[in-house]
PDB file of all heavy atoms in Angstrom:
ATOM      1  N   ALA A   1       3.482   0.642   9.796  1.00  0.00           N
ATOM      2  CA  ALA A   1       4.142   0.441  11.082  1.00  0.00           C
ATOM      3  C   ALA A   1       3.330   1.114  12.185  1.00  0.00           C
ATOM      4  O   ALA A   1       2.665   2.132  11.959  1.00  0.00           O
ATOM      5  CB  ALA A   1       5.552   1.028  11.039  1.00  0.00           C
ATOM      6  N   GLY A   2       3.382   0.545  13.362  1.00  0.00           N
ATOM      7  CA  GLY A   2       2.710   1.141  14.517  1.00  0.00           C
ATOM      8  C   GLY A   2       1.223   0.941  14.560  1.00  0.00           C
ATOM      9  O   GLY A   2       0.536   1.545  15.405  1.00  0.00           O
ATOM     10  N   ALA A   3       0.663   0.099  13.700  1.00  0.00           N
ATOM     11  CA  ALA A   3      -0.778  -0.146  13.712  1.00  0.00           C
ATOM     12  C   ALA A   3      -1.171  -0.868  14.996  1.00  0.00           C
ATOM     13  O   ALA A   3      -0.470  -1.780  15.431  1.00  0.00           O
ATOM     14  CB  ALA A   3      -1.191  -0.978  12.497  1.00  0.00           C
ATOM     15  N   PRO A   4      -2.295  -0.472  15.620  1.00  0.00           N
ATOM     16  CA  PRO A   4      -2.689  -1.108  16.886  1.00  0.00           C
ATOM     17  C   PRO A   4      -3.055  -2.581  16.724  1.00  0.00           C
ATOM     18  O   PRO A   4      -2.924  -3.350  17.672  1.00  0.00           O
ATOM     19  CB  PRO A   4      -3.901  -0.284  17.335  1.00  0.00           C
ATOM     20  CG  PRO A   4      -4.411   0.379  16.097  1.00  0.00           C
ATOM     21  CD  PRO A   4      -3.211   0.611  15.240  1.00  0.00           C
ATOM     22  N   GLU A   5      -3.503  -2.986  15.536  1.00  0.00           N
ATOM     23  CA  GLU A   5      -3.843  -4.383  15.272  1.00  0.00           C
ATOM     24  C   GLU A   5      -3.031  -4.850  14.063  1.00  0.00           C
ATOM     25  O   GLU A   5      -3.480  -4.750  12.918  1.00  0.00           O
ATOM     26  CB  GLU A   5      -5.333  -4.537  15.004  1.00  0.00           C
ATOM     27  CG  GLU A   5      -6.215  -4.149  16.186  1.00  0.00           C
ATOM     28  CD  GLU A   5      -7.689  -4.370  15.885  1.00  0.00           C
ATOM     29  OE1 GLU A   5      -8.061  -5.522  15.613  1.00  0.00           O
ATOM     30  OE2 GLU A   5      -8.446  -3.381  15.909  1.00  0.00           O
ATOM     31  N   PRO A   6      -1.821  -5.369  14.294  1.00  0.00           N
ATOM     32  CA  PRO A   6      -0.938  -5.723  13.171  1.00  0.00           C
ATOM     33  C   PRO A   6      -1.535  -6.733  12.193  1.00  0.00           C
ATOM     34  O   PRO A   6      -1.290  -6.640  10.995  1.00  0.00           O
ATOM     35  CB  PRO A   6       0.298  -6.302  13.879  1.00  0.00           C
ATOM     36  CG  PRO A   6       0.285  -5.669  15.235  1.00  0.00           C
ATOM     37  CD  PRO A   6      -1.156  -5.531  15.600  1.00  0.00           C
ATOM     38  N   VAL A   7      -2.327  -7.702  12.695  1.00  0.00           N
ATOM     39  CA  VAL A   7      -2.895  -8.693  11.781  1.00  0.00           C
ATOM     40  C   VAL A   7      -3.845  -8.024  10.793  1.00  0.00           C
ATOM     41  O   VAL A   7      -3.815  -8.289   9.591  1.00  0.00           O
ATOM     42  CB  VAL A   7      -3.611  -9.812  12.563  1.00  0.00           C
ATOM     43  CG1 VAL A   7      -4.345 -10.744  11.602  1.00  0.00           C
ATOM     44  CG2 VAL A   7      -2.602 -10.607  13.387  1.00  0.00           C
ATOM     45  N   ARG A   8      -4.691  -7.139  11.285  1.00  0.00           N
ATOM     46  CA  ARG A   8      -5.594  -6.416  10.389  1.00  0.00           C
ATOM     47  C   ARG A   8      -4.797  -5.507   9.454  1.00  0.00           C
ATOM     48  O   ARG A   8      -5.155  -5.337   8.284  1.00  0.00           O
ATOM     49  CB  ARG A   8      -6.594  -5.599  11.195  1.00  0.00           C
ATOM     50  CG  ARG A   8      -7.581  -6.453  12.000  1.00  0.00           C
ATOM     51  CD  ARG A   8      -8.683  -5.633  12.588  1.00  0.00           C
ATOM     52  NE  ARG A   8      -9.511  -5.006  11.565  1.00  0.00           N
ATOM     53  CZ  ARG A   8     -10.566  -4.247  11.824  1.00  0.00           C
ATOM     54  NH1 ARG A   8     -10.910  -3.998  13.093  1.00  0.00           N
ATOM     55  NH2 ARG A   8     -11.280  -3.719  10.845  1.00  0.00           N
ATOM     56  N   ALA A   9      -3.721  -4.939   9.972  1.00  0.00           N
ATOM     57  CA  ALA A   9      -2.908  -4.047   9.137  1.00  0.00           C
ATOM     58  C   ALA A   9      -2.264  -4.810   7.984  1.00  0.00           C
ATOM     59  O   ALA A   9      -2.235  -4.329   6.848  1.00  0.00           O
ATOM     60  CB  ALA A   9      -1.841  -3.366   9.990  1.00  0.00           C
ATOM     61  N   VAL A  10      -1.749  -6.010   8.264  1.00  0.00           N
ATOM     62  CA  VAL A  10      -1.090  -6.764   7.199  1.00  0.00           C
ATOM     63  C   VAL A  10      -2.112  -7.261   6.184  1.00  0.00           C
ATOM     64  O   VAL A  10      -1.822  -7.346   4.979  1.00  0.00           O
ATOM     65  CB  VAL A  10      -0.256  -7.927   7.781  1.00  0.00           C
ATOM     66  CG1 VAL A  10      -1.119  -9.137   8.135  1.00  0.00           C
ATOM     67  CG2 VAL A  10       0.847  -8.341   6.821  1.00  0.00           C
ATOM     68  N   GLN A  11      -3.319  -7.555   6.627  1.00  0.00           N
ATOM     69  CA  GLN A  11      -4.367  -7.971   5.697  1.00  0.00           C
ATOM     70  C   GLN A  11      -4.777  -6.829   4.766  1.00  0.00           C
ATOM     71  O   GLN A  11      -5.197  -7.067   3.635  1.00  0.00           O
ATOM     72  CB  GLN A  11      -5.579  -8.486   6.475  1.00  0.00           C
ATOM     73  CG  GLN A  11      -5.318  -9.796   7.202  1.00  0.00           C
ATOM     74  CD  GLN A  11      -6.431 -10.180   8.158  1.00  0.00           C
ATOM     75  OE1 GLN A  11      -7.363  -9.399   8.391  1.00  0.00           O
ATOM     76  NE2 GLN A  11      -6.350 -11.366   8.730  1.00  0.00           N
ATOM     77  N   ALA A  12      -4.638  -5.601   5.251  1.00  0.00           N
ATOM     78  CA  ALA A  12      -4.984  -4.429   4.450  1.00  0.00           C
ATOM     79  C   ALA A  12      -3.752  -3.788   3.813  1.00  0.00           C
ATOM     80  O   ALA A  12      -3.788  -2.640   3.397  1.00  0.00           O
ATOM     81  CB  ALA A  12      -5.704  -3.401   5.319  1.00  0.00           C
ATOM     82  N   GLY A  13      -2.653  -4.559   3.747  1.00  0.00           N
ATOM     83  CA  GLY A  13      -1.418  -4.033   3.191  1.00  0.00           C
ATOM     84  C   GLY A  13      -1.445  -3.964   1.669  1.00  0.00           C
ATOM     85  O   GLY A  13      -2.502  -4.062   1.038  1.00  0.00           O
ATOM     86  N   ALA A  14      -0.252  -3.824   1.082  1.00  0.00           N
ATOM     87  CA  ALA A  14      -0.157  -3.666  -0.375  1.00  0.00           C
ATOM     88  C   ALA A  14       1.244  -4.045  -0.827  1.00  0.00           C
ATOM     89  O   ALA A  14       2.170  -4.155  -0.010  1.00  0.00           O
ATOM     90  CB  ALA A  14      -0.465  -2.222  -0.760  1.00  0.00           C
ATOM     91  N   ARG A  15       1.401  -4.252  -2.136  1.00  0.00           N
ATOM     92  CA  ARG A  15       2.719  -4.491  -2.710  1.00  0.00           C
ATOM     93  C   ARG A  15       3.450  -3.158  -2.868  1.00  0.00           C
ATOM     94  O   ARG A  15       2.908  -2.206  -3.425  1.00  0.00           O
ATOM     95  CB  ARG A  15       2.599  -5.172  -4.078  1.00  0.00           C
ATOM     96  CG  ARG A  15       2.025  -6.577  -4.041  1.00  0.00           C
ATOM     97  CD  ARG A  15       3.020  -7.605  -3.609  1.00  0.00           C
ATOM     98  NE  ARG A  15       2.443  -8.947  -3.569  1.00  0.00           N
ATOM     99  CZ  ARG A  15       2.956  -9.951  -2.887  1.00  0.00           C
ATOM    100  NH1 ARG A  15       4.063  -9.775  -2.183  1.00  0.00           N
ATOM    101  NH2 ARG A  15       2.383 -11.136  -2.902  1.00  0.00           N
ATOM    102  N   LEU A  16       4.676  -3.118  -2.372  1.00  0.00           N
ATOM    103  CA  LEU A  16       5.432  -1.871  -2.347  1.00  0.00           C
ATOM    104  C   LEU A  16       5.550  -1.232  -3.728  1.00  0.00           C
ATOM    105  O   LEU A  16       5.430  -0.013  -3.870  1.00  0.00           O
ATOM    106  CB  LEU A  16       6.830  -2.132  -1.769  1.00  0.00           C
ATOM    107  CG  LEU A  16       7.779  -0.941  -1.695  1.00  0.00           C
ATOM    108  CD1 LEU A  16       7.215   0.160  -0.808  1.00  0.00           C
ATOM    109  CD2 LEU A  16       9.149  -1.388  -1.177  1.00  0.00           C
ATOM    110  N   PHE A  17       5.778  -2.051  -4.764  1.00  0.00           N
ATOM    111  CA  PHE A  17       6.042  -1.504  -6.096  1.00  0.00           C
ATOM    112  C   PHE A  17       4.857  -1.617  -7.048  1.00  0.00           C
ATOM    113  O   PHE A  17       5.015  -1.394  -8.253  1.00  0.00           O
ATOM    114  CB  PHE A  17       7.256  -2.214  -6.704  1.00  0.00           C
ATOM    115  CG  PHE A  17       8.520  -2.021  -5.926  1.00  0.00           C
ATOM    116  CD1 PHE A  17       9.200  -3.114  -5.407  1.00  0.00           C
ATOM    117  CD2 PHE A  17       9.036  -0.756  -5.697  1.00  0.00           C
ATOM    118  CE1 PHE A  17      10.369  -2.950  -4.682  1.00  0.00           C
ATOM    119  CE2 PHE A  17      10.201  -0.575  -4.977  1.00  0.00           C
ATOM    120  CZ  PHE A  17      10.872  -1.677  -4.459  1.00  0.00           C
ATOM    121  N   ALA A  18       3.687  -1.992  -6.520  1.00  0.00           N
ATOM    122  CA  ALA A  18       2.531  -2.165  -7.410  1.00  0.00           C
ATOM    123  C   ALA A  18       1.290  -1.529  -6.808  1.00  0.00           C
ATOM    124  O   ALA A  18       0.208  -2.109  -6.823  1.00  0.00           O
ATOM    125  CB  ALA A  18       2.299  -3.653  -7.677  1.00  0.00           C
ATOM    126  N   SER A  19       1.452  -0.316  -6.280  1.00  0.00           N
ATOM    127  CA  SER A  19       0.328   0.393  -5.645  1.00  0.00           C
ATOM    128  C   SER A  19       0.307   1.843  -6.111  1.00  0.00           C
ATOM    129  O   SER A  19       0.547   2.771  -5.335  1.00  0.00           O
ATOM    130  CB  SER A  19       0.471   0.313  -4.120  1.00  0.00           C
ATOM    131  OG  SER A  19       0.547  -1.035  -3.689  1.00  0.00           O
ATOM    132  N   PRO A  20       0.019   2.078  -7.399  1.00  0.00           N
ATOM    133  CA  PRO A  20       0.119   3.434  -7.941  1.00  0.00           C
ATOM    134  C   PRO A  20      -0.996   4.374  -7.514  1.00  0.00           C
ATOM    135  O   PRO A  20      -0.816   5.592  -7.556  1.00  0.00           O
ATOM    136  CB  PRO A  20       0.080   3.203  -9.456  1.00  0.00           C
ATOM    137  CG  PRO A  20      -0.717   1.948  -9.611  1.00  0.00           C
ATOM    138  CD  PRO A  20      -0.350   1.093  -8.434  1.00  0.00           C
ATOM    139  N   ASP A  21      -2.142   3.819  -7.096  1.00  0.00           N
ATOM    140  CA  ASP A  21      -3.273   4.712  -6.836  1.00  0.00           C
ATOM    141  C   ASP A  21      -4.216   4.171  -5.760  1.00  0.00           C
ATOM    142  O   ASP A  21      -5.426   4.376  -5.835  1.00  0.00           O
ATOM    143  CB  ASP A  21      -4.059   4.950  -8.130  1.00  0.00           C
ATOM    144  CG  ASP A  21      -4.617   3.655  -8.712  1.00  0.00           C
ATOM    145  OD1 ASP A  21      -4.274   2.567  -8.199  1.00  0.00           O
ATOM    146  OD2 ASP A  21      -5.397   3.736  -9.689  1.00  0.00           O
ATOM    147  N   LEU A  22      -3.682   3.486  -4.759  1.00  0.00           N
ATOM    148  CA  LEU A  22      -4.539   2.925  -3.721  1.00  0.00           C
ATOM    149  C   LEU A  22      -4.925   4.020  -2.733  1.00  0.00           C
ATOM    150  O   LEU A  22      -4.039   4.660  -2.141  1.00  0.00           O
ATOM    151  CB  LEU A  22      -3.824   1.789  -2.983  1.00  0.00           C
ATOM    152  CG  LEU A  22      -3.439   0.573  -3.829  1.00  0.00           C
ATOM    153  CD1 LEU A  22      -2.802  -0.493  -2.947  1.00  0.00           C
ATOM    154  CD2 LEU A  22      -4.640   0.014  -4.573  1.00  0.00           C
ATOM    155  N   PRO A  23      -6.198   4.241  -2.513  1.00  0.00           N
ATOM    156  CA  PRO A  23      -6.612   5.332  -1.625  1.00  0.00           C
ATOM    157  C   PRO A  23      -6.181   5.134  -0.173  1.00  0.00           C
ATOM    158  O   PRO A  23      -5.982   6.114   0.540  1.00  0.00           O
ATOM    159  CB  PRO A  23      -8.141   5.331  -1.752  1.00  0.00           C
ATOM    160  CG  PRO A  23      -8.491   3.982  -2.274  1.00  0.00           C
ATOM    161  CD  PRO A  23      -7.351   3.562  -3.127  1.00  0.00           C
ATOM    162  N   ASP A  24      -5.993   3.874   0.256  1.00  0.00           N
ATOM    163  CA  ASP A  24      -5.586   3.632   1.639  1.00  0.00           C
ATOM    164  C   ASP A  24      -4.070   3.601   1.799  1.00  0.00           C
ATOM    165  O   ASP A  24      -3.566   3.484   2.917  1.00  0.00           O
ATOM    166  CB  ASP A  24      -6.200   2.333   2.170  1.00  0.00           C
ATOM    167  CG  ASP A  24      -5.933   1.137   1.271  1.00  0.00           C
ATOM    168  OD1 ASP A  24      -5.673   1.348   0.075  1.00  0.00           O
ATOM    169  OD2 ASP A  24      -5.991  -0.009   1.759  1.00  0.00           O
ATOM    170  N   HIS A  25      -3.340   3.691   0.686  1.00  0.00           N
ATOM    171  CA  HIS A  25      -1.874   3.727   0.759  1.00  0.00           C
ATOM    172  C   HIS A  25      -1.326   4.736  -0.253  1.00  0.00           C
ATOM    173  O   HIS A  25      -0.515   4.380  -1.138  1.00  0.00           O
ATOM    174  CB  HIS A  25      -1.280   2.338   0.482  1.00  0.00           C
ATOM    175  CG  HIS A  25      -1.569   1.325   1.535  1.00  0.00           C
ATOM    176  ND1 HIS A  25      -0.957   1.340   2.774  1.00  0.00           N
ATOM    177  CD2 HIS A  25      -2.428   0.273   1.545  1.00  0.00           C
ATOM    178  CE1 HIS A  25      -1.409   0.323   3.489  1.00  0.00           C
ATOM    179  NE2 HIS A  25      -2.309  -0.330   2.783  1.00  0.00           N
ATOM    180  N   PRO A  26      -1.708   5.995  -0.145  1.00  0.00           N
ATOM    181  CA  PRO A  26      -1.237   6.975  -1.138  1.00  0.00           C
ATOM    182  C   PRO A  26       0.277   7.162  -1.123  1.00  0.00           C
ATOM    183  O   PRO A  26       0.865   7.537  -2.137  1.00  0.00           O
ATOM    184  CB  PRO A  26      -1.970   8.260  -0.735  1.00  0.00           C
ATOM    185  CG  PRO A  26      -2.315   8.066   0.718  1.00  0.00           C
ATOM    186  CD  PRO A  26      -2.576   6.606   0.870  1.00  0.00           C
ATOM    187  N   GLU A  27       0.916   6.900   0.037  1.00  0.00           N
ATOM    188  CA  GLU A  27       2.368   7.100   0.129  1.00  0.00           C
ATOM    189  C   GLU A  27       3.139   6.166  -0.802  1.00  0.00           C
ATOM    190  O   GLU A  27       4.288   6.453  -1.168  1.00  0.00           O
ATOM    191  CB  GLU A  27       2.865   6.858   1.565  1.00  0.00           C
ATOM    192  CG  GLU A  27       2.150   7.694   2.624  1.00  0.00           C
ATOM    193  CD  GLU A  27       1.006   6.937   3.276  1.00  0.00           C
ATOM    194  OE1 GLU A  27       0.301   6.178   2.553  1.00  0.00           O
ATOM    195  OE2 GLU A  27       0.825   7.076   4.488  1.00  0.00           O
ATOM    196  N   LEU A  28       2.534   5.030  -1.161  1.00  0.00           N
ATOM    197  CA  LEU A  28       3.253   4.047  -1.962  1.00  0.00           C
ATOM    198  C   LEU A  28       3.285   4.397  -3.449  1.00  0.00           C
ATOM    199  O   LEU A  28       4.022   3.770  -4.213  1.00  0.00           O
ATOM    200  CB  LEU A  28       2.621   2.659  -1.785  1.00  0.00           C
ATOM    201  CG  LEU A  28       2.638   2.084  -0.362  1.00  0.00           C
ATOM    202  CD1 LEU A  28       2.062   0.676  -0.354  1.00  0.00           C
ATOM    203  CD2 LEU A  28       4.055   2.082   0.209  1.00  0.00           C
ATOM    204  N   ALA A  29       2.502   5.389  -3.853  1.00  0.00           N
ATOM    205  CA  ALA A  29       2.441   5.732  -5.282  1.00  0.00           C
ATOM    206  C   ALA A  29       3.817   6.111  -5.828  1.00  0.00           C
ATOM    207  O   ALA A  29       4.130   5.812  -6.989  1.00  0.00           O
ATOM    208  CB  ALA A  29       1.449   6.870  -5.493  1.00  0.00           C
ATOM    209  N   ARG A  30       4.641   6.732  -5.007  1.00  0.00           N
ATOM    210  CA  ARG A  30       5.948   7.185  -5.497  1.00  0.00           C
ATOM    211  C   ARG A  30       6.870   6.023  -5.858  1.00  0.00           C
ATOM    212  O   ARG A  30       7.829   6.192  -6.609  1.00  0.00           O
ATOM    213  CB  ARG A  30       6.628   8.078  -4.459  1.00  0.00           C
ATOM    214  CG  ARG A  30       7.001   7.382  -3.163  1.00  0.00           C
ATOM    215  CD  ARG A  30       7.734   8.312  -2.196  1.00  0.00           C
ATOM    216  NE  ARG A  30       9.000   8.769  -2.740  1.00  0.00           N
ATOM    217  CZ  ARG A  30       9.998   9.222  -1.983  1.00  0.00           C
ATOM    218  NH1 ARG A  30       9.859   9.302  -0.656  1.00  0.00           N
ATOM    219  NH2 ARG A  30      11.112   9.616  -2.531  1.00  0.00           N
ATOM    220  N   TRP A  31       6.598   4.814  -5.306  1.00  0.00           N
ATOM    221  CA  TRP A  31       7.463   3.678  -5.587  1.00  0.00           C
ATOM    222  C   TRP A  31       6.896   2.766  -6.673  1.00  0.00           C
ATOM    223  O   TRP A  31       7.506   1.758  -7.017  1.00  0.00           O
ATOM    224  CB  TRP A  31       7.682   2.837  -4.322  1.00  0.00           C
ATOM    225  CG  TRP A  31       8.104   3.627  -3.133  1.00  0.00           C
ATOM    226  CD1 TRP A  31       7.493   3.703  -1.919  1.00  0.00           C
ATOM    227  CD2 TRP A  31       9.252   4.465  -3.037  1.00  0.00           C
ATOM    228  NE1 TRP A  31       8.168   4.543  -1.081  1.00  0.00           N
ATOM    229  CE2 TRP A  31       9.269   5.025  -1.735  1.00  0.00           C
ATOM    230  CE3 TRP A  31      10.281   4.812  -3.920  1.00  0.00           C
ATOM    231  CZ2 TRP A  31      10.242   5.901  -1.300  1.00  0.00           C
ATOM    232  CZ3 TRP A  31      11.267   5.688  -3.488  1.00  0.00           C
ATOM    233  CH2 TRP A  31      11.239   6.220  -2.189  1.00  0.00           C
ATOM    234  N   ALA A  32       5.738   3.093  -7.209  1.00  0.00           N
ATOM    235  CA  ALA A  32       5.076   2.202  -8.163  1.00  0.00           C
ATOM    236  C   ALA A  32       5.909   2.020  -9.434  1.00  0.00           C
ATOM    237  O   ALA A  32       6.388   2.991 -10.023  1.00  0.00           O
ATOM    238  CB  ALA A  32       3.698   2.727  -8.508  1.00  0.00           C
ATOM    239  N   LEU A  33       6.070   0.767  -9.828  1.00  0.00           N
ATOM    240  CA  LEU A  33       6.729   0.438 -11.091  1.00  0.00           C
ATOM    241  C   LEU A  33       5.719   0.044 -12.153  1.00  0.00           C
ATOM    242  O   LEU A  33       6.095  -0.299 -13.270  1.00  0.00           O
ATOM    243  CB  LEU A  33       7.718  -0.719 -10.870  1.00  0.00           C
ATOM    244  CG  LEU A  33       8.817  -0.487  -9.835  1.00  0.00           C
ATOM    245  CD1 LEU A  33       9.720  -1.703  -9.719  1.00  0.00           C
ATOM    246  CD2 LEU A  33       9.631   0.753 -10.174  1.00  0.00           C
ATOM    247  N   VAL A  34       4.443   0.095 -11.779  1.00  0.00           N
ATOM    248  CA  VAL A  34       3.361  -0.309 -12.676  1.00  0.00           C
ATOM    249  C   VAL A  34       2.322   0.811 -12.698  1.00  0.00           C
ATOM    250  O   VAL A  34       1.911   1.294 -11.643  1.00  0.00           O
ATOM    251  CB  VAL A  34       2.702  -1.609 -12.175  1.00  0.00           C
ATOM    252  CG1 VAL A  34       1.634  -2.081 -13.153  1.00  0.00           C
ATOM    253  CG2 VAL A  34       3.746  -2.689 -11.955  1.00  0.00           C
ATOM    254  N   PRO A  35       1.868   1.219 -13.869  1.00  0.00           N
ATOM    255  CA  PRO A  35       0.812   2.246 -13.933  1.00  0.00           C
ATOM    256  C   PRO A  35      -0.536   1.646 -13.551  1.00  0.00           C
ATOM    257  O   PRO A  35      -0.715   0.423 -13.553  1.00  0.00           O
ATOM    258  CB  PRO A  35       0.834   2.676 -15.405  1.00  0.00           C
ATOM    259  CG  PRO A  35       1.309   1.461 -16.133  1.00  0.00           C
ATOM    260  CD  PRO A  35       2.311   0.814 -15.220  1.00  0.00           C
ATOM    261  N   PRO A  36      -1.526   2.482 -13.221  1.00  0.00           N
ATOM    262  CA  PRO A  36      -2.849   1.967 -12.832  1.00  0.00           C
ATOM    263  C   PRO A  36      -3.444   1.008 -13.847  1.00  0.00           C
ATOM    264  O   PRO A  36      -4.073   0.008 -13.481  1.00  0.00           O
ATOM    265  CB  PRO A  36      -3.693   3.236 -12.698  1.00  0.00           C
ATOM    266  CG  PRO A  36      -2.703   4.309 -12.358  1.00  0.00           C
ATOM    267  CD  PRO A  36      -1.462   3.954 -13.118  1.00  0.00           C
ATOM    268  N   GLU A  37      -3.245   1.279 -15.121  1.00  0.00           N
ATOM    269  CA  GLU A  37      -3.842   0.416 -16.142  1.00  0.00           C
ATOM    270  C   GLU A  37      -3.130  -0.937 -16.254  1.00  0.00           C
ATOM    271  O   GLU A  37      -3.606  -1.851 -16.944  1.00  0.00           O
ATOM    272  CB  GLU A  37      -3.839   1.099 -17.505  1.00  0.00           C
ATOM    273  CG  GLU A  37      -2.476   1.485 -18.038  1.00  0.00           C
ATOM    274  CD  GLU A  37      -2.013   2.869 -17.581  1.00  0.00           C
ATOM    275  OE1 GLU A  37      -2.602   3.403 -16.597  1.00  0.00           O
ATOM    276  OE2 GLU A  37      -1.097   3.411 -18.206  1.00  0.00           O
TER     277      GLU A  37
END
């Protein structure tokens, strides 16, 4: 939220429940339902 360029932000987004270890979205790791492997 609040990204200055929303289109670029959505292109660099992630799945809320499938991002256990993404370096650009570390906050999402707590919601991951899938392990990195």
